Amino acid sequence: MRRFGIIREEFEMQRRDALKILGAALLVSVESSASAYESKQRRWRTSFGLNGFASSSRKYGKTFPIWEVLDFAARTKFDGIELHGTWPMGRYPMSDESGRINALKRFYDAYDLQVFSIQTGAGGAFSPAVSDRKRWLEEFLDNARFAKSLGCDCIGMWPGGGLRGQTLAEAIEHLGHSFREAAKIAHDLGLTPAFEIEPVFIFNTEEHLLRILEKANHPALKTIYDPSHFDLMNSSAGRPHEMLRRIGVENIGYVHFTDTDGTRRDEGTSKHLPCGDGHIDVDASLRTLWEGGFQGWMNIDAWQVPDPYDACLKGKQAIESFLASA
């Protein structure tokens, strides 16, 4: 009986040791999987633009208190925010208004959110008047300095406006020259300058986008991938990733992620929809970005979506679902 007891004790010790080894192996496996997922998340950081809340407020008469918006971002674990023009409380600070900049930064820091980019207009960048283009560059310099002081990684540019008596070729020539100078400024400050063209702009085709990049001819200048705009520039076929491949993922500065049904809103730009509510192949876009080596900000763009909270959540969920299986 004593011998049997010893054998049983040895068996129990071996069983406990085996369970410890198995438990340790499982822990390493879980930690390794978590580490791999965190690494993917660091490669793609998630944010949303205040433009969605600003446009929904104007179009549908809704009210979105900024503290409510940022509390939502913090609770749903977004990493950052893109500022939008004058919403919600007036123009951006000038670069020498350190008090206002510090107050703004403390406000976003309180929600553990990085202001990763600011949106800026670029209508003056292709004006036929030299004085207008010079003034735009001065404004861009100040905006870029403000963005750097705020802790941004990027600065966005939107070249809206008319031809003002020039040809389209002349406008692209002027825009390319201005963007080259802006790219130098941003690069020296450690910012990624990225522009977006839309169907409602005079620059509204794949050819225009490529010609702007070619005329600017600066490696720091990038464009923004917005699937709704790329879809309309790709025959509204639901495959904006095809145009993304032709443009080249290496030319993408950051992403304005959205779905679309291939139509326009009443003011002329692409209809933005929450991910899964439109007709694009969402995973194909994400896969193209991933396989193309894109690193940086995946910003949910809820422009004129009736419920921007819903759009932000669906966009983030689509990205996280893709990352979990990538």
Protein backbone atom coordinates (compact mmCIF):
# COMPACT_ATOMS: atom_id res chain seq x y z
CA MET A 1 0.00 0.00 0.00
CA ARG A 2 2.85 2.35 0.82
CA ARG A 3 4.40 1.66 -2.61
CA PHE A 4 1.05 2.42 -4.28
CA GLY A 5 0.83 5.68 -2.33
CA ILE A 6 4.29 6.73 -3.48
CA ILE A 7 3.46 5.95 -7.09
CA ARG A 8 0.24 7.97 -6.80
CA GLU A 9 2.12 10.94 -5.30
CA GLU A 10 4.69 10.79 -8.12
CA PHE A 11 1.86 10.68 -10.67
CA GLU A 12 0.20 13.72 -9.09
CA MET A 13 3.48 15.63 -9.11
CA GLN A 14 4.03 14.79 -12.78
CA ARG A 15 0.44 15.81 -13.60
CA ARG A 16 0.85 19.15 -11.81
CA ASP A 17 4.17 19.75 -13.58
CA ALA A 18 2.56 18.94 -16.93
CA LEU A 19 -0.32 21.31 -16.23
CA LYS A 20 2.13 24.04 -15.26
CA ILE A 21 4.06 23.54 -18.50
CA LEU A 22 0.82 23.49 -20.53
CA GLY A 23 -0.45 26.59 -18.71
CA ALA A 24 2.80 28.42 -19.35
CA ALA A 25 2.69 27.43 -23.02
CA LEU A 26 -0.88 28.66 -23.34
CA LEU A 27 0.03 31.93 -21.60
CA VAL A 28 2.95 32.45 -23.98
CA SER A 29 0.65 31.69 -26.91
CA VAL A 30 -1.99 34.17 -25.70
CA GLU A 31 0.62 36.82 -24.95
CA SER A 32 2.22 36.25 -28.35
CA SER A 33 -1.15 36.62 -30.10
CA ALA A 34 -1.94 39.76 -28.10
CA SER A 35 1.49 41.17 -28.88
CA ALA A 36 1.02 40.45 -32.60
CA TYR A 37 -2.38 42.16 -32.58
CA GLU A 38 -1.01 45.16 -30.69
CA SER A 39 1.77 45.38 -33.26
CA LYS A 40 -0.83 45.49 -36.04
CA GLN A 41 -2.73 48.17 -34.14
CA ARG A 42 0.43 50.25 -33.83
CA ARG A 43 0.90 49.96 -37.59
CA TRP A 44 -2.64 51.28 -38.11
CA ARG A 45 -3.91 53.82 -35.62
CA THR A 46 -7.62 54.63 -35.60
CA SER A 47 -9.21 58.08 -35.50
CA PHE A 48 -12.21 59.95 -36.77
CA GLY A 49 -12.70 63.42 -38.18
CA LEU A 50 -14.72 66.15 -36.55
CA ASN A 51 -15.89 66.92 -40.11
CA GLY A 52 -18.53 64.19 -39.76
CA PHE A 53 -20.06 65.83 -36.71
CA ALA A 54 -19.76 69.33 -38.19
CA SER A 55 -21.48 68.33 -41.45
CA SER A 56 -24.20 66.29 -39.73
CA SER A 57 -24.90 69.23 -37.44
CA ARG A 58 -25.31 71.59 -40.40
CA LYS A 59 -27.23 69.25 -42.69
CA TYR A 60 -29.59 67.62 -40.19
CA GLY A 61 -29.79 70.26 -37.46
CA LYS A 62 -28.25 68.01 -34.84
CA THR A 63 -26.23 69.04 -31.82
CA PHE A 64 -23.01 67.29 -30.84
CA PRO A 65 -21.33 68.77 -27.74
CA ILE A 66 -17.59 68.43 -28.23
CA TRP A 67 -17.09 66.84 -24.79
CA GLU A 68 -19.66 64.19 -25.70
CA VAL A 69 -17.88 63.49 -28.98
CA LEU A 70 -14.49 63.13 -27.28
CA ASP A 71 -15.92 61.03 -24.45
CA PHE A 72 -17.30 58.69 -27.13
CA ALA A 73 -13.85 58.54 -28.78
CA ALA A 74 -12.18 57.70 -25.47
CA ARG A 75 -14.75 55.07 -24.45
CA THR A 76 -14.54 53.32 -27.83
CA LYS A 77 -10.72 53.43 -27.74
CA PHE A 78 -9.95 55.56 -30.76
CA ASP A 79 -6.37 56.81 -30.84
CA GLY A 80 -6.90 60.23 -32.32
CA ILE A 81 -8.94 63.00 -33.92
CA GLU A 82 -8.69 65.10 -37.07
CA LEU A 83 -9.70 68.72 -36.57
CA HIS A 84 -12.06 70.41 -38.99
CA GLY A 85 -11.88 74.10 -39.89
CA THR A 86 -13.96 76.27 -37.62
CA TRP A 87 -16.01 73.54 -35.87
CA PRO A 88 -16.95 73.61 -33.07
CA MET A 89 -15.49 76.86 -31.71
CA GLY A 90 -13.92 79.17 -34.28
CA ARG A 91 -10.74 79.23 -36.34
CA TYR A 92 -7.52 77.42 -35.56
CA PRO A 93 -5.08 79.30 -33.31
CA MET A 94 -2.23 81.11 -35.01
CA SER A 95 1.11 79.42 -34.53
CA ASP A 96 2.29 82.12 -32.10
CA GLU A 97 -0.82 81.85 -29.88
CA SER A 98 0.88 79.46 -27.49
CA GLY A 99 -1.72 79.92 -24.75
CA ARG A 100 -4.59 78.86 -27.01
CA ILE A 101 -2.57 75.97 -28.46
CA ASN A 102 -1.60 74.67 -25.02
CA ALA A 103 -5.21 74.92 -23.82
CA LEU A 104 -6.40 73.01 -26.88
CA LYS A 105 -3.78 70.31 -26.43
CA ARG A 106 -4.64 69.88 -22.73
CA PHE A 107 -8.30 69.49 -23.71
CA TYR A 108 -7.60 66.56 -26.06
CA ASP A 109 -4.93 65.10 -23.78
CA ALA A 110 -7.56 64.84 -21.04
CA TYR A 111 -9.33 62.26 -23.22
CA ASP A 112 -6.04 60.54 -24.13
CA LEU A 113 -6.51 61.47 -27.78
CA GLN A 114 -3.89 62.70 -30.24
CA VAL A 115 -4.88 65.39 -32.72
CA PHE A 116 -3.15 63.62 -35.59
CA SER A 117 -4.09 66.06 -38.37
CA ILE A 118 -5.86 69.29 -39.20
CA GLN A 119 -7.90 69.96 -42.33
CA THR A 120 -6.94 73.03 -44.35
CA GLY A 121 -8.25 74.65 -47.52
CA ALA A 122 -6.07 74.92 -50.61
CA GLY A 123 -8.11 77.05 -52.99
CA GLY A 124 -5.44 79.73 -53.02
CA ALA A 125 -2.80 77.18 -53.95
CA PHE A 126 -3.90 77.15 -57.60
CA SER A 127 -5.05 80.74 -58.02
CA PRO A 128 -3.86 82.36 -61.27
CA ALA A 129 -2.62 85.30 -59.18
CA VAL A 130 0.92 84.97 -57.84
CA SER A 131 -0.01 87.08 -54.81
CA ASP A 132 -2.82 84.68 -53.88
CA ARG A 133 -0.54 81.67 -54.12
CA LYS A 134 2.10 83.42 -52.01
CA ARG A 135 -0.53 84.28 -49.39
CA TRP A 136 -1.73 80.66 -49.34
CA LEU A 137 1.81 79.42 -48.68
CA GLU A 138 2.18 81.88 -45.81
CA GLU A 139 -1.10 80.61 -44.34
CA PHE A 140 -0.02 77.01 -44.88
CA LEU A 141 3.25 77.66 -43.06
CA ASP A 142 1.39 79.05 -40.07
CA ASN A 143 -1.11 76.17 -40.10
CA ALA A 144 1.74 73.67 -40.30
CA ARG A 145 3.53 75.26 -37.36
CA PHE A 146 0.29 75.16 -35.38
CA ALA A 147 -0.22 71.50 -36.30
CA LYS A 148 3.32 70.65 -35.19
CA SER A 149 2.84 72.47 -31.86
CA LEU A 150 -0.37 70.53 -31.31
CA GLY A 151 1.42 67.21 -31.83
CA CYS A 152 0.07 66.31 -35.27
CA ASP A 153 1.63 63.74 -37.58
CA CYS A 154 -0.13 64.97 -40.72
CA ILE A 155 -1.69 68.01 -42.34
CA GLY A 156 -4.53 67.67 -44.85
CA MET A 157 -5.20 69.94 -47.85
CA TRP A 158 -8.40 70.31 -49.89
CA PRO A 159 -8.02 72.27 -53.19
CA GLY A 160 -11.58 73.44 -53.74
CA GLY A 161 -12.66 76.43 -55.82
CA GLY A 162 -13.05 77.52 -59.42
CA LEU A 163 -10.65 78.04 -62.29
CA ARG A 164 -10.84 81.84 -62.10
CA GLY A 165 -10.08 82.44 -65.77
CA GLN A 166 -7.30 79.88 -66.23
CA THR A 167 -7.27 76.53 -67.98
CA LEU A 168 -7.34 73.27 -66.06
CA ALA A 169 -3.78 72.55 -67.18
CA GLU A 170 -2.65 75.91 -65.80
CA ALA A 171 -4.48 75.26 -62.52
CA ILE A 172 -2.73 71.90 -62.12
CA GLU A 173 0.61 73.54 -62.91
CA HIS A 174 0.03 76.18 -60.23
CA LEU A 175 -1.26 73.64 -57.72
CA GLY A 176 1.72 71.37 -58.29
CA HIS A 177 4.17 74.20 -57.69
CA SER A 178 2.36 75.32 -54.50
CA PHE A 179 2.13 71.77 -53.19
CA ARG A 180 5.86 71.25 -53.81
CA GLU A 181 6.65 74.25 -51.62
CA ALA A 182 4.10 73.12 -49.02
CA ALA A 183 5.65 69.64 -48.99
CA LYS A 184 9.06 71.15 -48.25
CA ILE A 185 7.59 73.13 -45.35
CA ALA A 186 5.73 70.15 -43.89
CA HIS A 187 8.65 67.78 -44.34
CA ASP A 188 11.00 70.16 -42.52
CA LEU A 189 8.53 70.22 -39.63
CA GLY A 190 8.22 66.44 -39.53
CA LEU A 191 4.64 66.40 -40.88
CA THR A 192 3.12 64.32 -43.68
CA PRO A 193 1.30 66.64 -46.11
CA ALA A 194 -1.61 64.94 -47.87
CA PHE A 195 -4.25 66.29 -50.25
CA GLU A 196 -7.66 65.03 -51.27
CA ILE A 197 -9.59 65.67 -54.46
CA GLU A 198 -13.34 65.12 -54.73
CA PRO A 199 -15.91 64.77 -57.51
CA VAL A 200 -17.28 68.21 -56.64
CA PHE A 201 -13.86 69.86 -57.21
CA ILE A 202 -12.45 70.91 -60.59
CA PHE A 203 -9.76 68.30 -59.90
CA ASN A 204 -11.91 65.19 -59.89
CA THR A 205 -10.35 62.32 -61.86
CA GLU A 206 -7.63 59.74 -61.41
CA GLU A 207 -5.66 61.49 -64.15
CA HIS A 208 -5.88 64.81 -62.30
CA LEU A 209 -4.63 63.21 -59.10
CA LEU A 210 -1.64 61.64 -60.83
CA ARG A 211 -0.81 64.86 -62.67
CA ILE A 212 -0.85 66.83 -59.39
CA LEU A 213 1.58 64.37 -57.82
CA GLU A 214 3.76 64.51 -60.93
CA LYS A 215 3.78 68.33 -61.09
CA ALA A 216 4.54 68.66 -57.38
CA ASN A 217 7.36 66.14 -57.72
CA HIS A 218 8.21 65.95 -54.03
CA PRO A 219 8.55 62.62 -52.17
CA ALA A 220 6.95 64.00 -49.00
CA LEU A 221 3.68 64.92 -50.73
CA LYS A 222 0.99 62.25 -50.44
CA THR A 223 -2.69 61.91 -51.23
CA ILE A 224 -5.57 60.73 -49.04
CA TYR A 225 -7.36 57.46 -49.74
CA ASP A 226 -11.11 58.00 -49.46
CA PRO A 227 -12.93 54.95 -50.90
CA SER A 228 -16.07 56.99 -51.67
CA HIS A 229 -14.15 59.42 -53.90
CA PHE A 230 -11.99 56.72 -55.45
CA ASP A 231 -15.14 54.71 -56.17
CA LEU A 232 -16.72 57.54 -58.16
CA MET A 233 -13.42 58.07 -59.99
CA ASN A 234 -13.41 54.32 -60.74
CA SER A 235 -16.84 54.16 -62.44
CA SER A 236 -18.81 53.62 -59.19
CA ALA A 237 -18.14 49.91 -59.49
CA GLY A 238 -17.72 49.22 -55.78
CA ARG A 239 -14.00 48.49 -56.26
CA PRO A 240 -12.10 51.64 -55.21
CA HIS A 241 -9.15 49.43 -54.26
CA GLU A 242 -8.46 49.03 -57.98
CA MET A 243 -7.73 52.74 -58.32
CA LEU A 244 -5.79 52.60 -55.05
CA ARG A 245 -3.48 50.02 -56.62
CA ARG A 246 -2.98 52.17 -59.70
CA ILE A 247 -2.23 55.28 -57.65
CA GLY A 248 0.10 53.25 -55.43
CA VAL A 249 -0.22 52.64 -51.71
CA GLU A 250 3.18 54.30 -51.30
CA ASN A 251 1.51 57.58 -52.33
CA ILE A 252 -1.08 57.45 -49.51
CA GLY A 253 -0.44 59.78 -46.56
CA TYR A 254 -3.43 58.71 -44.52
CA VAL A 255 -6.88 57.22 -44.99
CA HIS A 256 -10.38 58.72 -44.82
CA PHE A 257 -12.25 55.44 -44.41
CA THR A 258 -15.88 55.17 -45.44
CA ASP A 259 -18.31 53.10 -47.48
CA THR A 260 -20.46 54.45 -50.32
CA ASP A 261 -23.19 53.43 -52.74
CA GLY A 262 -21.44 55.04 -55.71
CA THR A 263 -23.68 58.12 -55.83
CA ARG A 264 -23.32 61.73 -54.69
CA ARG A 265 -24.86 63.82 -51.97
CA ASP A 266 -27.04 66.70 -53.12
CA GLU A 267 -24.14 69.19 -52.95
CA GLY A 268 -22.14 67.07 -55.39
CA THR A 269 -19.53 65.15 -53.43
CA SER A 270 -19.41 61.39 -52.92
CA LYS A 271 -22.00 59.91 -50.60
CA HIS A 272 -20.30 58.65 -47.45
CA LEU A 273 -21.92 55.71 -45.66
CA PRO A 274 -21.03 53.61 -42.60
CA CYS A 275 -18.91 50.57 -43.43
CA GLY A 276 -21.17 47.73 -44.53
CA ASP A 277 -24.03 50.03 -45.55
CA GLY A 278 -22.71 50.64 -49.07
CA HIS A 279 -21.48 48.60 -52.02
CA ILE A 280 -17.69 48.69 -51.77
CA ASP A 281 -15.55 45.67 -50.96
CA VAL A 282 -14.35 46.92 -47.58
CA ASP A 283 -11.94 44.05 -46.94
CA ALA A 284 -10.36 44.47 -50.39
CA SER A 285 -9.51 48.08 -49.56
CA LEU A 286 -8.04 47.11 -46.21
CA ARG A 287 -6.12 44.20 -47.73
CA THR A 288 -4.69 46.42 -50.47
CA LEU A 289 -3.48 48.92 -47.87
CA TRP A 290 -2.04 46.19 -45.66
CA GLU A 291 -0.26 44.30 -48.43
CA GLY A 292 1.01 47.59 -49.86
CA GLY A 293 2.75 48.33 -46.57
CA PHE A 294 0.64 51.29 -45.48
CA GLN A 295 1.46 52.51 -41.97
CA GLY A 296 -0.30 55.35 -40.22
CA TRP A 297 -3.72 56.75 -39.54
CA MET A 298 -7.01 55.11 -40.46
CA ASN A 299 -9.42 58.00 -40.03
CA ILE A 300 -13.16 57.32 -40.18
CA ASP A 301 -14.85 59.93 -42.39
CA ALA A 302 -18.55 60.34 -41.58
CA TRP A 303 -19.17 63.33 -43.85
CA GLN A 304 -22.91 64.15 -43.85
CA VAL A 305 -23.82 60.76 -42.38
CA PRO A 306 -26.98 61.26 -40.26
CA ASP A 307 -25.50 59.32 -37.32
CA PRO A 308 -21.71 59.89 -37.23
CA TYR A 309 -21.39 57.87 -34.02
CA ASP A 310 -22.73 54.80 -35.83
CA ALA A 311 -20.40 55.41 -38.78
CA CYS A 312 -17.37 55.74 -36.52
CA LEU A 313 -18.16 52.51 -34.69
CA LYS A 314 -18.83 50.50 -37.86
CA GLY A 315 -15.64 51.78 -39.46
CA LYS A 316 -13.53 50.93 -36.42
CA GLN A 317 -15.12 47.49 -36.14
CA ALA A 318 -14.37 46.77 -39.81
CA ILE A 319 -10.71 47.71 -39.30
CA GLU A 320 -10.37 45.68 -36.10
CA SER A 321 -12.04 42.66 -37.68
CA PHE A 322 -9.60 42.80 -40.58
CA LEU A 323 -6.57 43.20 -38.28
CA ALA A 324 -7.63 40.21 -36.21
CA SER A 325 -7.33 37.97 -39.27
CA ALA A 326 -4.50 39.71 -41.16
